[in-house]
């Protein structure tokens, strides 16, 4: 029964869960921010195409 009361691996599991949560949040932020950045670059590209070329 000492195996059930042993808490040596508890900290490692907690660190793993925290790391997993941080990874999920980071991926979500990259997806959201990536879409906004892509939209900004597309808008800038469209605005630049309206500018006449210099001769």
N, C-alpha and C. Protein backbone atom coordinates (compact mmCIF):
# COMPACT_ATOMS: atom_id res chain seq x y z
N UNK A 1 0.80 -1.20 0.00
CA UNK A 1 0.00 0.00 0.00
C UNK A 1 0.84 1.27 0.00
N UNK A 2 2.14 1.15 0.19
CA UNK A 2 2.97 2.35 0.17
C UNK A 2 3.03 2.95 -1.23
N UNK A 3 2.81 2.13 -2.26
CA UNK A 3 2.81 2.64 -3.63
C UNK A 3 1.70 3.66 -3.84
N UNK A 4 0.54 3.43 -3.24
CA UNK A 4 -0.59 4.34 -3.39
C UNK A 4 -0.37 5.65 -2.64
N UNK A 5 0.44 5.63 -1.60
CA UNK A 5 0.69 6.83 -0.81
C UNK A 5 1.97 7.56 -1.24
N UNK A 6 2.72 6.98 -2.15
CA UNK A 6 3.97 7.58 -2.60
C UNK A 6 3.68 8.80 -3.46
N UNK A 7 4.29 9.95 -3.14
CA UNK A 7 4.04 11.20 -3.86
C UNK A 7 5.28 11.71 -4.58
N UNK A 8 6.24 10.85 -4.85
CA UNK A 8 7.47 11.29 -5.49
C UNK A 8 7.24 11.80 -6.91
N UNK A 9 6.34 11.22 -7.66
CA UNK A 9 6.10 11.62 -9.04
C UNK A 9 5.06 12.71 -9.19
N UNK A 10 4.47 13.14 -8.11
CA UNK A 10 3.39 14.12 -8.16
C UNK A 10 3.87 15.44 -8.76
N UNK A 11 5.00 15.92 -8.33
CA UNK A 11 5.51 17.20 -8.84
C UNK A 11 5.78 17.16 -10.32
N UNK A 12 6.32 16.04 -10.79
CA UNK A 12 6.63 15.91 -12.21
C UNK A 12 5.35 15.92 -13.04
N UNK A 13 4.30 15.28 -12.55
CA UNK A 13 3.02 15.27 -13.26
C UNK A 13 2.43 16.67 -13.30
N UNK A 14 2.53 17.40 -12.20
CA UNK A 14 2.01 18.77 -12.16
C UNK A 14 2.77 19.66 -13.14
N UNK A 15 4.08 19.53 -13.19
CA UNK A 15 4.86 20.31 -14.15
C UNK A 15 4.47 19.95 -15.58
N UNK A 16 4.22 18.70 -15.83
CA UNK A 16 3.80 18.27 -17.16
C UNK A 16 2.45 18.86 -17.56
N UNK A 17 1.51 18.89 -16.62
CA UNK A 17 0.20 19.48 -16.90
C UNK A 17 0.31 20.98 -17.15
N UNK A 18 1.11 21.66 -16.35
CA UNK A 18 1.30 23.10 -16.54
C UNK A 18 1.95 23.37 -17.89
N UNK A 19 2.96 22.59 -18.25
CA UNK A 19 3.63 22.75 -19.53
C UNK A 19 2.66 22.51 -20.69
N UNK A 20 1.81 21.51 -20.55
CA UNK A 20 0.81 21.24 -21.58
C UNK A 20 -0.17 22.38 -21.73
N UNK A 21 -0.61 22.96 -20.63
CA UNK A 21 -1.53 24.09 -20.67
C UNK A 21 -0.88 25.29 -21.33
N UNK A 22 0.37 25.56 -20.98
CA UNK A 22 1.09 26.68 -21.59
C UNK A 22 1.23 26.46 -23.10
N UNK A 23 1.50 25.24 -23.51
CA UNK A 23 1.63 24.94 -24.94
C UNK A 23 0.32 25.17 -25.68
N UNK A 24 -0.79 24.77 -25.10
CA UNK A 24 -2.09 24.96 -25.74
C UNK A 24 -2.40 26.45 -25.88
N UNK A 25 -2.14 27.22 -24.84
CA UNK A 25 -2.39 28.67 -24.89
C UNK A 25 -1.47 29.32 -25.92
N UNK A 26 -0.21 28.92 -25.97
CA UNK A 26 0.72 29.51 -26.93
C UNK A 26 0.29 29.21 -28.37
N UNK A 27 -0.14 27.99 -28.63
CA UNK A 27 -0.58 27.63 -29.98
C UNK A 27 -1.82 28.43 -30.36
N UNK A 28 -2.75 28.59 -29.43
CA UNK A 28 -3.96 29.37 -29.71
C UNK A 28 -3.60 30.82 -30.02
N UNK A 29 -2.68 31.40 -29.26
CA UNK A 29 -2.26 32.78 -29.51
C UNK A 29 -1.58 32.92 -30.86
N UNK A 30 -0.76 31.95 -31.22
CA UNK A 30 -0.07 32.00 -32.52
C UNK A 30 -1.08 31.96 -33.66
N UNK A 31 -2.10 31.13 -33.52
CA UNK A 31 -3.12 31.03 -34.57
C UNK A 31 -3.88 32.34 -34.70
N UNK A 32 -4.31 32.92 -33.58
CA UNK A 32 -5.09 34.16 -33.62
C UNK A 32 -4.25 35.32 -34.13
N UNK A 33 -3.06 35.48 -33.57
CA UNK A 33 -2.19 36.59 -33.97
C UNK A 33 -1.73 36.40 -35.41
N UNK A 34 -1.49 35.17 -35.81
CA UNK A 34 -1.06 34.90 -37.18
C UNK A 34 -2.09 35.34 -38.20
N UNK A 35 -3.35 35.12 -37.92
CA UNK A 35 -4.41 35.54 -38.84
C UNK A 35 -4.46 37.06 -38.94
N UNK A 36 -4.27 37.75 -37.82
CA UNK A 36 -4.29 39.22 -37.84
C UNK A 36 -3.10 39.77 -38.61
N UNK A 37 -1.94 39.19 -38.41
CA UNK A 37 -0.75 39.65 -39.12
C UNK A 37 -0.90 39.41 -40.61
N UNK A 38 -1.43 38.26 -40.98
CA UNK A 38 -1.65 37.95 -42.39
C UNK A 38 -2.60 38.97 -43.01
N UNK A 39 -3.66 39.31 -42.29
CA UNK A 39 -4.61 40.31 -42.79
C UNK A 39 -3.97 41.67 -42.95
N UNK A 40 -3.10 42.04 -42.02
CA UNK A 40 -2.40 43.32 -42.11
C UNK A 40 -1.49 43.37 -43.33
N UNK A 41 -0.76 42.30 -43.58
CA UNK A 41 0.13 42.26 -44.74
C UNK A 41 -0.66 42.26 -46.04
N UNK A 42 -1.79 41.57 -46.07
CA UNK A 42 -2.61 41.57 -47.27
C UNK A 42 -3.16 42.97 -47.54
N UNK A 43 -3.58 43.65 -46.49
CA UNK A 43 -4.09 45.01 -46.64
C UNK A 43 -3.00 45.95 -47.14
N UNK A 44 -1.81 45.83 -46.59
CA UNK A 44 -0.70 46.67 -47.03
C UNK A 44 -0.35 46.37 -48.48
N UNK A 45 -0.39 45.11 -48.86
CA UNK A 45 -0.09 44.72 -50.24
C UNK A 45 -1.12 45.31 -51.20
N UNK A 46 -2.38 45.27 -50.82
CA UNK A 46 -3.43 45.83 -51.67
C UNK A 46 -3.26 47.34 -51.81
N UNK A 47 -2.90 48.01 -50.72
CA UNK A 47 -2.70 49.46 -50.78
C UNK A 47 -1.48 49.81 -51.63
N UNK A 48 -0.45 49.00 -51.59
CA UNK A 48 0.75 49.26 -52.38
C UNK A 48 0.48 49.05 -53.87
N UNK A 49 -0.43 48.17 -54.22
CA UNK A 49 -0.72 47.93 -55.63
C UNK A 49 -1.46 49.11 -56.25
N UNK A 50 -2.09 49.95 -55.44
CA UNK A 50 -2.79 51.12 -55.94
C UNK A 50 -1.85 52.29 -56.22
N UNK A 51 -0.64 52.24 -55.71
CA UNK A 51 0.33 53.32 -55.89
C UNK A 51 0.96 53.19 -57.27
N UNK A 52 0.99 54.28 -58.05
CA UNK A 52 1.60 54.19 -59.38
C UNK A 52 3.11 54.00 -59.29
N UNK A 53 3.65 53.28 -60.24
CA UNK A 53 5.09 53.00 -60.25
C UNK A 53 5.86 54.23 -60.69
N UNK A 54 7.05 54.41 -60.12
CA UNK A 54 7.91 55.53 -60.51
C UNK A 54 8.66 55.18 -61.78
N UNK A 55 8.78 56.15 -62.66
CA UNK A 55 9.51 55.91 -63.92
C UNK A 55 10.92 56.37 -63.84
